[in-house]
Amino acid sequence: IKDGRIDFEAVGITEDEIKGFEQIYIVACGSAWHVGMAAQYVLED
């Protein structure tokens, strides 16, 4: 978060790529899987 905006340059994902995705898979184990479970509700909504 830079100057009140989200900047994913360091992550390496562009806006065009974000627009092109049709589906997200979150894959993890243990507590990281629980993060995915919470994120699923947030992303879908």
PDB file of all heavy atoms in Angstrom:
ATOM      1  N   ILE A   1       0.860  -1.193   0.000  1.00  0.00           N
ATOM      2  CA  ILE A   1       0.000   0.000   0.000  1.00  0.00           C
ATOM      3  C   ILE A   1       0.890   1.234   0.000  1.00  0.00           C
ATOM      4  O   ILE A   1       1.625   1.490   0.962  1.00  0.00           O
ATOM      5  CB  ILE A   1      -0.958   0.010   1.210  1.00  0.00           C
ATOM      6  CG1 ILE A   1      -1.910  -1.190   1.136  1.00  0.00           C
ATOM      7  CG2 ILE A   1      -1.758   1.317   1.253  1.00  0.00           C
ATOM      8  CD1 ILE A   1      -2.854  -1.331   2.318  1.00  0.00           C
ATOM      9  N   LYS A   2       0.860   1.970  -1.110  1.00  0.00           N
ATOM     10  CA  LYS A   2       1.692   3.167  -1.248  1.00  0.00           C
ATOM     11  C   LYS A   2       0.783   4.359  -1.549  1.00  0.00           C
ATOM     12  O   LYS A   2       0.020   4.331  -2.521  1.00  0.00           O
ATOM     13  CB  LYS A   2       2.690   2.999  -2.421  1.00  0.00           C
ATOM     14  CG  LYS A   2       3.492   1.685  -2.389  1.00  0.00           C
ATOM     15  CD  LYS A   2       4.744   1.818  -1.554  1.00  0.00           C
ATOM     16  CE  LYS A   2       5.356   0.471  -1.179  1.00  0.00           C
ATOM     17  NZ  LYS A   2       5.882  -0.297  -2.273  1.00  0.00           N
ATOM     18  N   ASP A   3       0.856   5.385  -0.708  1.00  0.00           N
ATOM     19  CA  ASP A   3       0.056   6.608  -0.916  1.00  0.00           C
ATOM     20  C   ASP A   3      -1.433   6.297  -1.101  1.00  0.00           C
ATOM     21  O   ASP A   3      -2.094   6.823  -2.000  1.00  0.00           O
ATOM     22  CB  ASP A   3       0.552   7.393  -2.149  1.00  0.00           C
ATOM     23  CG  ASP A   3       2.027   7.747  -2.018  1.00  0.00           C
ATOM     24  OD1 ASP A   3       2.445   8.061  -0.888  1.00  0.00           O
ATOM     25  OD2 ASP A   3       2.747   7.696  -3.028  1.00  0.00           O
ATOM     26  N   GLY A   4      -1.932   5.403  -0.273  1.00  0.00           N
ATOM     27  CA  GLY A   4      -3.361   5.113  -0.312  1.00  0.00           C
ATOM     28  C   GLY A   4      -3.807   4.254  -1.478  1.00  0.00           C
ATOM     29  O   GLY A   4      -4.999   4.106  -1.735  1.00  0.00           O
ATOM     30  N   ARG A   5      -2.852   3.688  -2.220  1.00  0.00           N
ATOM     31  CA  ARG A   5      -3.194   2.794  -3.344  1.00  0.00           C
ATOM     32  C   ARG A   5      -2.430   1.485  -3.191  1.00  0.00           C
ATOM     33  O   ARG A   5      -1.355   1.459  -2.592  1.00  0.00           O
ATOM     34  CB  ARG A   5      -2.815   3.431  -4.688  1.00  0.00           C
ATOM     35  CG  ARG A   5      -3.498   4.762  -4.975  1.00  0.00           C
ATOM     36  CD  ARG A   5      -2.952   5.392  -6.251  1.00  0.00           C
ATOM     37  NE  ARG A   5      -3.338   4.622  -7.425  1.00  0.00           N
ATOM     38  CZ  ARG A   5      -4.525   4.748  -8.036  1.00  0.00           C
ATOM     39  NH1 ARG A   5      -5.414   5.589  -7.566  1.00  0.00           N
ATOM     40  NH2 ARG A   5      -4.809   4.035  -9.097  1.00  0.00           N
ATOM     41  N   ILE A   6      -2.974   0.428  -3.785  1.00  0.00           N
ATOM     42  CA  ILE A   6      -2.270  -0.851  -3.750  1.00  0.00           C
ATOM     43  C   ILE A   6      -1.396  -0.965  -4.991  1.00  0.00           C
ATOM     44  O   ILE A   6      -1.861  -0.779  -6.113  1.00  0.00           O
ATOM     45  CB  ILE A   6      -3.269  -2.020  -3.660  1.00  0.00           C
ATOM     46  CG1 ILE A   6      -3.972  -1.977  -2.297  1.00  0.00           C
ATOM     47  CG2 ILE A   6      -2.562  -3.360  -3.847  1.00  0.00           C
ATOM     48  CD1 ILE A   6      -5.032  -3.028  -2.097  1.00  0.00           C
ATOM     49  N   ASP A   7      -0.124  -1.264  -4.756  1.00  0.00           N
ATOM     50  CA  ASP A   7       0.855  -1.343  -5.847  1.00  0.00           C
ATOM     51  C   ASP A   7       1.498  -2.731  -5.819  1.00  0.00           C
ATOM     52  O   ASP A   7       2.246  -3.051  -4.892  1.00  0.00           O
ATOM     53  CB  ASP A   7       1.913  -0.239  -5.648  1.00  0.00           C
ATOM     54  CG  ASP A   7       3.021  -0.307  -6.700  1.00  0.00           C
ATOM     55  OD1 ASP A   7       2.925  -1.156  -7.604  1.00  0.00           O
ATOM     56  OD2 ASP A   7       3.976   0.479  -6.589  1.00  0.00           O
ATOM     57  N   PHE A   8       1.198  -3.534  -6.848  1.00  0.00           N
ATOM     58  CA  PHE A   8       1.704  -4.912  -6.874  1.00  0.00           C
ATOM     59  C   PHE A   8       2.927  -5.077  -7.767  1.00  0.00           C
ATOM     60  O   PHE A   8       3.225  -6.181  -8.219  1.00  0.00           O
ATOM     61  CB  PHE A   8       0.599  -5.873  -7.341  1.00  0.00           C
ATOM     62  CG  PHE A   8      -0.339  -6.281  -6.240  1.00  0.00           C
ATOM     63  CD1 PHE A   8      -1.629  -6.704  -6.536  1.00  0.00           C
ATOM     64  CD2 PHE A   8       0.053  -6.257  -4.916  1.00  0.00           C
ATOM     65  CE1 PHE A   8      -2.502  -7.094  -5.522  1.00  0.00           C
ATOM     66  CE2 PHE A   8      -0.800  -6.646  -3.904  1.00  0.00           C
ATOM     67  CZ  PHE A   8      -2.084  -7.056  -4.205  1.00  0.00           C
ATOM     68  N   GLU A   9       3.637  -3.982  -8.001  1.00  0.00           N
ATOM     69  CA  GLU A   9       4.816  -4.073  -8.868  1.00  0.00           C
ATOM     70  C   GLU A   9       5.830  -5.067  -8.304  1.00  0.00           C
ATOM     71  O   GLU A   9       6.397  -5.887  -9.022  1.00  0.00           O
ATOM     72  CB  GLU A   9       5.464  -2.688  -9.008  1.00  0.00           C
ATOM     73  CG  GLU A   9       6.509  -2.654 -10.118  1.00  0.00           C
ATOM     74  CD  GLU A   9       7.186  -1.288 -10.242  1.00  0.00           C
ATOM     75  OE1 GLU A   9       6.592  -0.286  -9.798  1.00  0.00           O
ATOM     76  OE2 GLU A   9       8.302  -1.251 -10.764  1.00  0.00           O
ATOM     77  N   ALA A  10       6.046  -5.013  -6.973  1.00  0.00           N
ATOM     78  CA  ALA A  10       7.028  -5.913  -6.351  1.00  0.00           C
ATOM     79  C   ALA A  10       6.572  -7.368  -6.431  1.00  0.00           C
ATOM     80  O   ALA A  10       7.385  -8.288  -6.506  1.00  0.00           O
ATOM     81  CB  ALA A  10       7.262  -5.512  -4.891  1.00  0.00           C
ATOM     82  N   VAL A  11       5.252  -7.580  -6.407  1.00  0.00           N
ATOM     83  CA  VAL A  11       4.717  -8.942  -6.488  1.00  0.00           C
ATOM     84  C   VAL A  11       4.846  -9.471  -7.916  1.00  0.00           C
ATOM     85  O   VAL A  11       4.970 -10.670  -8.153  1.00  0.00           O
ATOM     86  CB  VAL A  11       3.238  -8.960  -6.020  1.00  0.00           C
ATOM     87  CG1 VAL A  11       2.632 -10.355  -6.137  1.00  0.00           C
ATOM     88  CG2 VAL A  11       3.128  -8.447  -4.587  1.00  0.00           C
ATOM     89  N   GLY A  12       4.815  -8.536  -8.876  1.00  0.00           N
ATOM     90  CA  GLY A  12       5.010  -8.918 -10.280  1.00  0.00           C
ATOM     91  C   GLY A  12       3.732  -9.288 -11.004  1.00  0.00           C
ATOM     92  O   GLY A  12       3.759 -10.026 -11.989  1.00  0.00           O
ATOM     93  N   ILE A  13       2.586  -8.768 -10.528  1.00  0.00           N
ATOM     94  CA  ILE A  13       1.322  -9.080 -11.193  1.00  0.00           C
ATOM     95  C   ILE A  13       0.724  -7.792 -11.758  1.00  0.00           C
ATOM     96  O   ILE A  13       0.680  -6.774 -11.067  1.00  0.00           O
ATOM     97  CB  ILE A  13       0.353  -9.807 -10.232  1.00  0.00           C
ATOM     98  CG1 ILE A  13      -0.827 -10.402 -10.999  1.00  0.00           C
ATOM     99  CG2 ILE A  13      -0.125  -8.930  -9.107  1.00  0.00           C
ATOM    100  CD1 ILE A  13      -1.617 -11.422 -10.202  1.00  0.00           C
ATOM    101  N   THR A  14       0.319  -7.828 -13.018  1.00  0.00           N
ATOM    102  CA  THR A  14      -0.164  -6.615 -13.680  1.00  0.00           C
ATOM    103  C   THR A  14      -1.698  -6.572 -13.673  1.00  0.00           C
ATOM    104  O   THR A  14      -2.364  -7.589 -13.460  1.00  0.00           O
ATOM    105  CB  THR A  14       0.312  -6.566 -15.146  1.00  0.00           C
ATOM    106  OG1 THR A  14      -0.328  -7.667 -15.854  1.00  0.00           O
ATOM    107  CG2 THR A  14       1.824  -6.712 -15.243  1.00  0.00           C
ATOM    108  N   GLU A  15      -2.234  -5.379 -13.972  1.00  0.00           N
ATOM    109  CA  GLU A  15      -3.692  -5.227 -14.001  1.00  0.00           C
ATOM    110  C   GLU A  15      -4.303  -6.063 -15.119  1.00  0.00           C
ATOM    111  O   GLU A  15      -5.376  -6.633 -14.968  1.00  0.00           O
ATOM    112  CB  GLU A  15      -4.069  -3.743 -14.147  1.00  0.00           C
ATOM    113  CG  GLU A  15      -3.676  -2.921 -12.928  1.00  0.00           C
ATOM    114  CD  GLU A  15      -4.384  -1.570 -12.869  1.00  0.00           C
ATOM    115  OE1 GLU A  15      -5.150  -1.264 -13.800  1.00  0.00           O
ATOM    116  OE2 GLU A  15      -4.176  -0.852 -11.878  1.00  0.00           O
ATOM    117  N   ASP A  16      -3.608  -6.145 -16.263  1.00  0.00           N
ATOM    118  CA  ASP A  16      -4.119  -6.952 -17.377  1.00  0.00           C
ATOM    119  C   ASP A  16      -4.231  -8.426 -16.984  1.00  0.00           C
ATOM    120  O   ASP A  16      -5.189  -9.114 -17.357  1.00  0.00           O
ATOM    121  CB  ASP A  16      -3.211  -6.816 -18.616  1.00  0.00           C
ATOM    122  CG  ASP A  16      -3.385  -5.452 -19.282  1.00  0.00           C
ATOM    123  OD1 ASP A  16      -4.406  -4.793 -18.984  1.00  0.00           O
ATOM    124  OD2 ASP A  16      -2.505  -5.045 -20.065  1.00  0.00           O
ATOM    125  N   GLU A  17      -3.218  -8.899 -16.247  1.00  0.00           N
ATOM    126  CA  GLU A  17      -3.268 -10.300 -15.795  1.00  0.00           C
ATOM    127  C   GLU A  17      -4.458 -10.510 -14.862  1.00  0.00           C
ATOM    128  O   GLU A  17      -5.184 -11.505 -14.975  1.00  0.00           O
ATOM    129  CB  GLU A  17      -1.958 -10.668 -15.080  1.00  0.00           C
ATOM    130  CG  GLU A  17      -0.792 -10.898 -16.022  1.00  0.00           C
ATOM    131  CD  GLU A  17       0.504 -11.147 -15.274  1.00  0.00           C
ATOM    132  OE1 GLU A  17       0.864 -10.345 -14.381  1.00  0.00           O
ATOM    133  OE2 GLU A  17       1.156 -12.153 -15.583  1.00  0.00           O
ATOM    134  N   ILE A  18      -4.654  -9.571 -13.937  1.00  0.00           N
ATOM    135  CA  ILE A  18      -5.756  -9.695 -12.975  1.00  0.00           C
ATOM    136  C   ILE A  18      -7.099  -9.761 -13.702  1.00  0.00           C
ATOM    137  O   ILE A  18      -7.978 -10.543 -13.347  1.00  0.00           O
ATOM    138  CB  ILE A  18      -5.729  -8.520 -11.961  1.00  0.00           C
ATOM    139  CG1 ILE A  18      -4.517  -8.673 -11.023  1.00  0.00           C
ATOM    140  CG2 ILE A  18      -7.015  -8.446 -11.154  1.00  0.00           C
ATOM    141  CD1 ILE A  18      -4.271  -7.501 -10.088  1.00  0.00           C
ATOM    142  N   LYS A  19      -7.241  -8.950 -14.752  1.00  0.00           N
ATOM    143  CA  LYS A  19      -8.494  -8.943 -15.523  1.00  0.00           C
ATOM    144  C   LYS A  19      -8.701 -10.271 -16.252  1.00  0.00           C
ATOM    145  O   LYS A  19      -9.827 -10.684 -16.512  1.00  0.00           O
ATOM    146  CB  LYS A  19      -8.480  -7.810 -16.561  1.00  0.00           C
ATOM    147  CG  LYS A  19      -8.708  -6.432 -15.964  1.00  0.00           C
ATOM    148  CD  LYS A  19      -8.599  -5.355 -17.043  1.00  0.00           C
ATOM    149  CE  LYS A  19      -8.636  -3.972 -16.398  1.00  0.00           C
ATOM    150  NZ  LYS A  19      -8.043  -2.954 -17.256  1.00  0.00           N
ATOM    151  N   GLY A  20      -7.593 -10.939 -16.617  1.00  0.00           N
ATOM    152  CA  GLY A  20      -7.686 -12.153 -17.440  1.00  0.00           C
ATOM    153  C   GLY A  20      -7.991 -13.434 -16.680  1.00  0.00           C
ATOM    154  O   GLY A  20      -8.363 -14.437 -17.284  1.00  0.00           O
ATOM    155  N   PHE A  21      -7.848 -13.425 -15.349  1.00  0.00           N
ATOM    156  CA  PHE A  21      -8.080 -14.670 -14.596  1.00  0.00           C
ATOM    157  C   PHE A  21      -9.571 -14.980 -14.509  1.00  0.00           C
ATOM    158  O   PHE A  21     -10.390 -14.106 -14.239  1.00  0.00           O
ATOM    159  CB  PHE A  21      -7.484 -14.579 -13.186  1.00  0.00           C
ATOM    160  CG  PHE A  21      -5.982 -14.471 -13.163  1.00  0.00           C
ATOM    161  CD1 PHE A  21      -5.351 -13.450 -12.459  1.00  0.00           C
ATOM    162  CD2 PHE A  21      -5.200 -15.385 -13.850  1.00  0.00           C
ATOM    163  CE1 PHE A  21      -3.972 -13.340 -12.443  1.00  0.00           C
ATOM    164  CE2 PHE A  21      -3.815 -15.283 -13.842  1.00  0.00           C
ATOM    165  CZ  PHE A  21      -3.195 -14.261 -13.135  1.00  0.00           C
ATOM    166  N   GLU A  22      -9.908 -16.257 -14.730  1.00  0.00           N
ATOM    167  CA  GLU A  22     -11.313 -16.679 -14.649  1.00  0.00           C
ATOM    168  C   GLU A  22     -11.597 -17.429 -13.350  1.00  0.00           C
ATOM    169  O   GLU A  22     -12.744 -17.646 -12.990  1.00  0.00           O
ATOM    170  CB  GLU A  22     -11.644 -17.601 -15.829  1.00  0.00           C
ATOM    171  CG  GLU A  22     -11.570 -16.891 -17.174  1.00  0.00           C
ATOM    172  CD  GLU A  22     -11.810 -17.839 -18.339  1.00  0.00           C
ATOM    173  OE1 GLU A  22     -11.954 -19.072 -18.087  1.00  0.00           O
ATOM    174  OE2 GLU A  22     -11.865 -17.361 -19.482  1.00  0.00           O
ATOM    175  N   GLN A  23     -10.533 -17.841 -12.666  1.00  0.00           N
ATOM    176  CA  GLN A  23     -10.707 -18.715 -11.503  1.00  0.00           C
ATOM    177  C   GLN A  23      -9.488 -18.539 -10.608  1.00  0.00           C
ATOM    178  O   GLN A  23      -8.399 -18.231 -11.086  1.00  0.00           O
ATOM    179  CB  GLN A  23     -10.793 -20.166 -12.011  1.00  0.00           C
ATOM    180  CG  GLN A  23     -10.585 -21.244 -10.979  1.00  0.00           C
ATOM    181  CD  GLN A  23     -11.890 -21.769 -10.443  1.00  0.00           C
ATOM    182  OE1 GLN A  23     -12.855 -21.894 -11.164  1.00  0.00           O
ATOM    183  NE2 GLN A  23     -11.936 -22.051  -9.153  1.00  0.00           N
ATOM    184  N   ILE A  24      -9.667 -18.731  -9.307  1.00  0.00           N
ATOM    185  CA  ILE A  24      -8.520 -18.744  -8.384  1.00  0.00           C
ATOM    186  C   ILE A  24      -8.531 -20.065  -7.629  1.00  0.00           C
ATOM    187  O   ILE A  24      -9.573 -20.494  -7.112  1.00  0.00           O
ATOM    188  CB  ILE A  24      -8.572 -17.569  -7.380  1.00  0.00           C
ATOM    189  CG1 ILE A  24      -8.401 -16.225  -8.103  1.00  0.00           C
ATOM    190  CG2 ILE A  24      -7.492 -17.712  -6.305  1.00  0.00           C
ATOM    191  CD1 ILE A  24      -8.541 -15.009  -7.197  1.00  0.00           C
ATOM    192  N   TYR A  25      -7.374 -20.713  -7.587  1.00  0.00           N
ATOM    193  CA  TYR A  25      -7.192 -21.877  -6.705  1.00  0.00           C
ATOM    194  C   TYR A  25      -6.273 -21.431  -5.577  1.00  0.00           C
ATOM    195  O   TYR A  25      -5.224 -20.846  -5.840  1.00  0.00           O
ATOM    196  CB  TYR A  25      -6.536 -23.044  -7.443  1.00  0.00           C
ATOM    197  CG  TYR A  25      -7.296 -23.543  -8.653  1.00  0.00           C
ATOM    198  CD1 TYR A  25      -6.828 -23.301  -9.946  1.00  0.00           C
ATOM    199  CD2 TYR A  25      -8.478 -24.266  -8.504  1.00  0.00           C
ATOM    200  CE1 TYR A  25      -7.525 -23.752 -11.053  1.00  0.00           C
ATOM    201  CE2 TYR A  25      -9.183 -24.719  -9.617  1.00  0.00           C
ATOM    202  CZ  TYR A  25      -8.702 -24.458 -10.891  1.00  0.00           C
ATOM    203  OH  TYR A  25      -9.394 -24.901 -11.986  1.00  0.00           O
ATOM    204  N   ILE A  26      -6.660 -21.707  -4.349  1.00  0.00           N
ATOM    205  CA  ILE A  26      -5.764 -21.445  -3.205  1.00  0.00           C
ATOM    206  C   ILE A  26      -5.387 -22.809  -2.646  1.00  0.00           C
ATOM    207  O   ILE A  26      -6.262 -23.606  -2.271  1.00  0.00           O
ATOM    208  CB  ILE A  26      -6.444 -20.587  -2.122  1.00  0.00           C
ATOM    209  CG1 ILE A  26      -6.899 -19.239  -2.706  1.00  0.00           C
ATOM    210  CG2 ILE A  26      -5.481 -20.353  -0.948  1.00  0.00           C
ATOM    211  CD1 ILE A  26      -7.698 -18.368  -1.739  1.00  0.00           C
ATOM    212  N   VAL A  27      -4.093 -23.102  -2.637  1.00  0.00           N
ATOM    213  CA  VAL A  27      -3.619 -24.427  -2.232  1.00  0.00           C
ATOM    214  C   VAL A  27      -2.626 -24.265  -1.088  1.00  0.00           C
ATOM    215  O   VAL A  27      -1.676 -23.488  -1.186  1.00  0.00           O
ATOM    216  CB  VAL A  27      -2.963 -25.159  -3.428  1.00  0.00           C
ATOM    217  CG1 VAL A  27      -2.497 -26.541  -3.023  1.00  0.00           C
ATOM    218  CG2 VAL A  27      -3.951 -25.258  -4.594  1.00  0.00           C
ATOM    219  N   ALA A  28      -2.863 -24.985   0.005  1.00  0.00           N
ATOM    220  CA  ALA A  28      -2.020 -24.821   1.194  1.00  0.00           C
ATOM    221  C   ALA A  28      -2.270 -25.974   2.158  1.00  0.00           C
ATOM    222  O   ALA A  28      -3.112 -26.844   1.902  1.00  0.00           O
ATOM    223  CB  ALA A  28      -2.333 -23.491   1.874  1.00  0.00           C
ATOM    224  N   CYS A  29      -1.541 -25.969   3.271  1.00  0.00           N
ATOM    225  CA  CYS A  29      -1.706 -26.990   4.319  1.00  0.00           C
ATOM    226  C   CYS A  29      -1.880 -26.299   5.680  1.00  0.00           C
ATOM    227  O   CYS A  29      -1.375 -25.188   5.882  1.00  0.00           O
ATOM    228  CB  CYS A  29      -0.455 -27.876   4.419  1.00  0.00           C
ATOM    229  SG  CYS A  29       0.014 -28.684   2.893  1.00  0.00           S
ATOM    230  N   GLY A  30      -2.545 -26.959   6.596  1.00  0.00           N
ATOM    231  CA  GLY A  30      -2.616 -26.476   7.985  1.00  0.00           C
ATOM    232  C   GLY A  30      -3.207 -25.090   8.100  1.00  0.00           C
ATOM    233  O   GLY A  30      -4.215 -24.757   7.478  1.00  0.00           O
ATOM    234  N   SER A  31      -2.542 -24.237   8.912  1.00  0.00           N
ATOM    235  CA  SER A  31      -3.053 -22.877   9.142  1.00  0.00           C
ATOM    236  C   SER A  31      -3.092 -22.062   7.863  1.00  0.00           C
ATOM    237  O   SER A  31      -3.963 -21.206   7.699  1.00  0.00           O
ATOM    238  CB  SER A  31      -2.184 -22.154  10.187  1.00  0.00           C
ATOM    239  OG  SER A  31      -2.392 -22.715  11.462  1.00  0.00           O
ATOM    240  N   ALA A  32      -2.159 -22.308   6.951  1.00  0.00           N
ATOM    241  CA  ALA A  32      -2.164 -21.577   5.677  1.00  0.00           C
ATOM    242  C   ALA A  32      -3.421 -21.914   4.875  1.00  0.00           C
ATOM    243  O   ALA A  32      -3.976 -21.067   4.175  1.00  0.00           O
ATOM    244  CB  ALA A  32      -0.909 -21.922   4.868  1.00  0.00           C
ATOM    245  N   TRP A  33      -3.919 -23.150   5.019  1.00  0.00           N
ATOM    246  CA  TRP A  33      -5.174 -23.541   4.378  1.00  0.00           C
ATOM    247  C   TRP A  33      -6.344 -22.770   5.008  1.00  0.00           C
ATOM    248  O   TRP A  33      -7.281 -22.363   4.326  1.00  0.00           O
ATOM    249  CB  TRP A  33      -5.374 -25.048   4.504  1.00  0.00           C
ATOM    250  CG  TRP A  33      -6.649 -25.572   3.923  1.00  0.00           C
ATOM    251  CD1 TRP A  33      -6.993 -25.613   2.607  1.00  0.00           C
ATOM    252  CD2 TRP A  33      -7.757 -26.124   4.636  1.00  0.00           C
ATOM    253  NE1 TRP A  33      -8.257 -26.166   2.460  1.00  0.00           N
ATOM    254  CE2 TRP A  33      -8.732 -26.489   3.682  1.00  0.00           C
ATOM    255  CE3 TRP A  33      -8.009 -26.363   5.992  1.00  0.00           C
ATOM    256  CZ2 TRP A  33      -9.953 -27.069   4.050  1.00  0.00           C
ATOM    257  CZ3 TRP A  33      -9.220 -26.940   6.352  1.00  0.00           C
ATOM    258  CH2 TRP A  33     -10.179 -27.283   5.382  1.00  0.00           C
ATOM    259  N   HIS A  34      -6.266 -22.547   6.321  1.00  0.00           N
ATOM    260  CA  HIS A  34      -7.322 -21.764   6.985  1.00  0.00           C
ATOM    261  C   HIS A  34      -7.326 -20.319   6.485  1.00  0.00           C
ATOM    262  O   HIS A  34      -8.387 -19.691   6.385  1.00  0.00           O
ATOM    263  CB  HIS A  34      -7.128 -21.789   8.512  1.00  0.00           C
ATOM    264  CG  HIS A  34      -7.233 -23.169   9.085  1.00  0.00           C
ATOM    265  ND1 HIS A  34      -6.653 -23.518  10.293  1.00  0.00           N
ATOM    266  CD2 HIS A  34      -7.825 -24.289   8.611  1.00  0.00           C
ATOM    267  CE1 HIS A  34      -6.904 -24.802  10.528  1.00  0.00           C
ATOM    268  NE2 HIS A  34      -7.608 -25.283   9.528  1.00  0.00           N
ATOM    269  N   VAL A  35      -6.147 -19.782   6.186  1.00  0.00           N
ATOM    270  CA  VAL A  35      -6.068 -18.450   5.564  1.00  0.00           C
ATOM    271  C   VAL A  35      -6.841 -18.470   4.246  1.00  0.00           C
ATOM    272  O   VAL A  35      -7.623 -17.563   3.936  1.00  0.00           O
ATOM    273  CB  VAL A  35      -4.595 -18.036   5.316  1.00  0.00           C
ATOM    274  CG1 VAL A  35      -4.521 -16.799   4.427  1.00  0.00           C
ATOM    275  CG2 VAL A  35      -3.882 -17.791   6.637  1.00  0.00           C
ATOM    276  N   GLY A  36      -6.619 -19.534   3.475  1.00  0.00           N
ATOM    277  CA  GLY A  36      -7.324 -19.682   2.199  1.00  0.00           C
ATOM    278  C   GLY A  36      -8.831 -19.758   2.386  1.00  0.00           C
ATOM    279  O   GLY A  36      -9.603 -19.179   1.610  1.00  0.00           O
ATOM    280  N   MET A  37      -9.264 -20.457   3.437  1.00  0.00           N
ATOM    281  CA  MET A  37     -10.706 -20.583   3.703  1.00  0.00           C
ATOM    282  C   MET A  37     -11.324 -19.212   3.976  1.00  0.00           C
ATOM    283  O   MET A  37     -12.406 -18.889   3.485  1.00  0.00           O
ATOM    284  CB  MET A  37     -10.944 -21.503   4.906  1.00  0.00           C
ATOM    285  CG  MET A  37     -10.629 -22.952   4.625  1.00  0.00           C
ATOM    286  SD  MET A  37     -11.767 -23.713   3.460  1.00  0.00           S
ATOM    287  CE  MET A  37     -13.200 -23.964   4.490  1.00  0.00           C
ATOM    288  N   ALA A  38     -10.635 -18.386   4.767  1.00  0.00           N
ATOM    289  CA  ALA A  38     -11.140 -17.034   5.051  1.00  0.00           C
ATOM    290  C   ALA A  38     -11.098 -16.189   3.776  1.00  0.00           C
ATOM    291  O   ALA A  38     -12.052 -15.464   3.461  1.00  0.00           O
ATOM    292  CB  ALA A  38     -10.310 -16.381   6.161  1.00  0.00           C
ATOM    293  N   ALA A  39     -10.008 -16.312   3.026  1.00  0.00           N
ATOM    294  CA  ALA A  39      -9.831 -15.508   1.813  1.00  0.00           C
ATOM    295  C   ALA A  39     -10.874 -15.857   0.761  1.00  0.00           C
ATOM    296  O   ALA A  39     -11.303 -14.999  -0.019  1.00  0.00           O
ATOM    297  CB  ALA A  39      -8.433 -15.724   1.246  1.00  0.00           C
ATOM    298  N   GLN A  40     -11.298 -17.116   0.744  1.00  0.00           N
ATOM    299  CA  GLN A  40     -12.302 -17.546  -0.233  1.00  0.00           C
ATOM    300  C   GLN A  40     -13.577 -16.713  -0.099  1.00  0.00           C
ATOM    301  O   GLN A  40     -14.121 -16.223  -1.085  1.00  0.00           O
ATOM    302  CB  GLN A  40     -12.615 -19.028  -0.006  1.00  0.00           C
ATOM    303  CG  GLN A  40     -13.679 -19.593  -0.933  1.00  0.00           C
ATOM    304  CD  GLN A  40     -13.994 -21.043  -0.593  1.00  0.00           C
ATOM    305  OE1 GLN A  40     -13.922 -21.460   0.558  1.00  0.00           O
ATOM    306  NE2 GLN A  40     -14.327 -21.816  -1.593  1.00  0.00           N
ATOM    307  N   TYR A  41     -14.039 -16.544   1.135  1.00  0.00           N
ATOM    308  CA  TYR A  41     -15.259 -15.752   1.360  1.00  0.00           C
ATOM    309  C   TYR A  41     -15.048 -14.307   0.900  1.00  0.00           C
ATOM    310  O   TYR A  41     -15.924 -13.696   0.289  1.00  0.00           O
ATOM    311  CB  TYR A  41     -15.630 -15.763   2.848  1.00  0.00           C
ATOM    312  CG  TYR A  41     -16.137 -17.097   3.354  1.00  0.00           C
ATOM    313  CD1 TYR A  41     -15.330 -17.914   4.146  1.00  0.00           C
ATOM    314  CD2 TYR A  41     -17.422 -17.536   3.046  1.00  0.00           C
ATOM    315  CE1 TYR A  41     -15.795 -19.139   4.618  1.00  0.00           C
ATOM    316  CE2 TYR A  41     -17.893 -18.760   3.514  1.00  0.00           C
ATOM    317  CZ  TYR A  41     -17.079 -19.557   4.298  1.00  0.00           C
ATOM    318  OH  TYR A  41     -17.543 -20.766   4.765  1.00  0.00           O
ATOM    319  N   VAL A  42     -13.877 -13.752   1.233  1.00  0.00           N
ATOM    320  CA  VAL A  42     -13.609 -12.340   0.936  1.00  0.00           C
ATOM    321  C   VAL A  42     -13.485 -12.120  -0.572  1.00  0.00           C
ATOM    322  O   VAL A  42     -14.096 -11.204  -1.138  1.00  0.00           O
ATOM    323  CB  VAL A  42     -12.324 -11.865   1.661  1.00  0.00           C
ATOM    324  CG1 VAL A  42     -12.049 -10.400   1.367  1.00  0.00           C
ATOM    325  CG2 VAL A  42     -12.453 -12.078   3.164  1.00  0.00           C
ATOM    326  N   LEU A  43     -12.692 -12.961  -1.233  1.00  0.00           N
ATOM    327  CA  LEU A  43     -12.475 -12.804  -2.684  1.00  0.00           C
ATOM    328  C   LEU A  43     -13.771 -13.000  -3.470  1.00  0.00           C
ATOM    329  O   LEU A  43     -14.075 -12.232  -4.391  1.00  0.00           O
ATOM    330  CB  LEU A  43     -11.417 -13.800  -3.161  1.00  0.00           C
ATOM    331  CG  LEU A  43      -9.958 -13.373  -3.003  1.00  0.00           C
ATOM    332  CD1 LEU A  43      -9.037 -14.579  -3.017  1.00  0.00           C
ATOM    333  CD2 LEU A  43      -9.558 -12.398  -4.104  1.00  0.00           C
ATOM    334  N   GLU A  44     -14.540 -14.027  -3.108  1.00  0.00           N
ATOM    335  CA  GLU A  44     -15.762 -14.287  -3.868  1.00  0.00           C
ATOM    336  C   GLU A  44     -16.768 -13.163  -3.686  1.00  0.00           C
ATOM    337  O   GLU A  44     -17.435 -12.749  -4.627  1.00  0.00           O
ATOM    338  CB  GLU A  44     -16.365 -15.638  -3.454  1.00  0.00           C
ATOM    339  CG  GLU A  44     -15.538 -16.801  -3.941  1.00  0.00           C
ATOM    340  CD  GLU A  44     -16.220 -18.152  -3.845  1.00  0.00           C
ATOM    341  OE1 GLU A  44     -17.071 -18.339  -2.953  1.00  0.00           O
ATOM    342  OE2 GLU A  44     -15.897 -19.027  -4.661  1.00  0.00           O
ATOM    343  N   ASP A  45     -16.865 -12.651  -2.462  1.00  0.00           N
ATOM    344  CA  ASP A  45     -17.844 -11.594  -2.200  1.00  0.00           C
ATOM    345  C   ASP A  45     -17.420 -10.265  -2.818  1.00  0.00           C
ATOM    346  O   ASP A  45     -18.216  -9.574  -3.448  1.00  0.00           O
ATOM    347  CB  ASP A  45     -18.031 -11.431  -0.681  1.00  0.00           C
ATOM    348  CG  ASP A  45     -19.182 -10.492  -0.367  1.00  0.00           C
ATOM    349  OD1 ASP A  45     -20.239 -10.635  -0.994  1.00  0.00           O
ATOM    350  OD2 ASP A  45     -19.017  -9.611   0.481  1.00  0.00           O
TER     351      ASP A  45
END
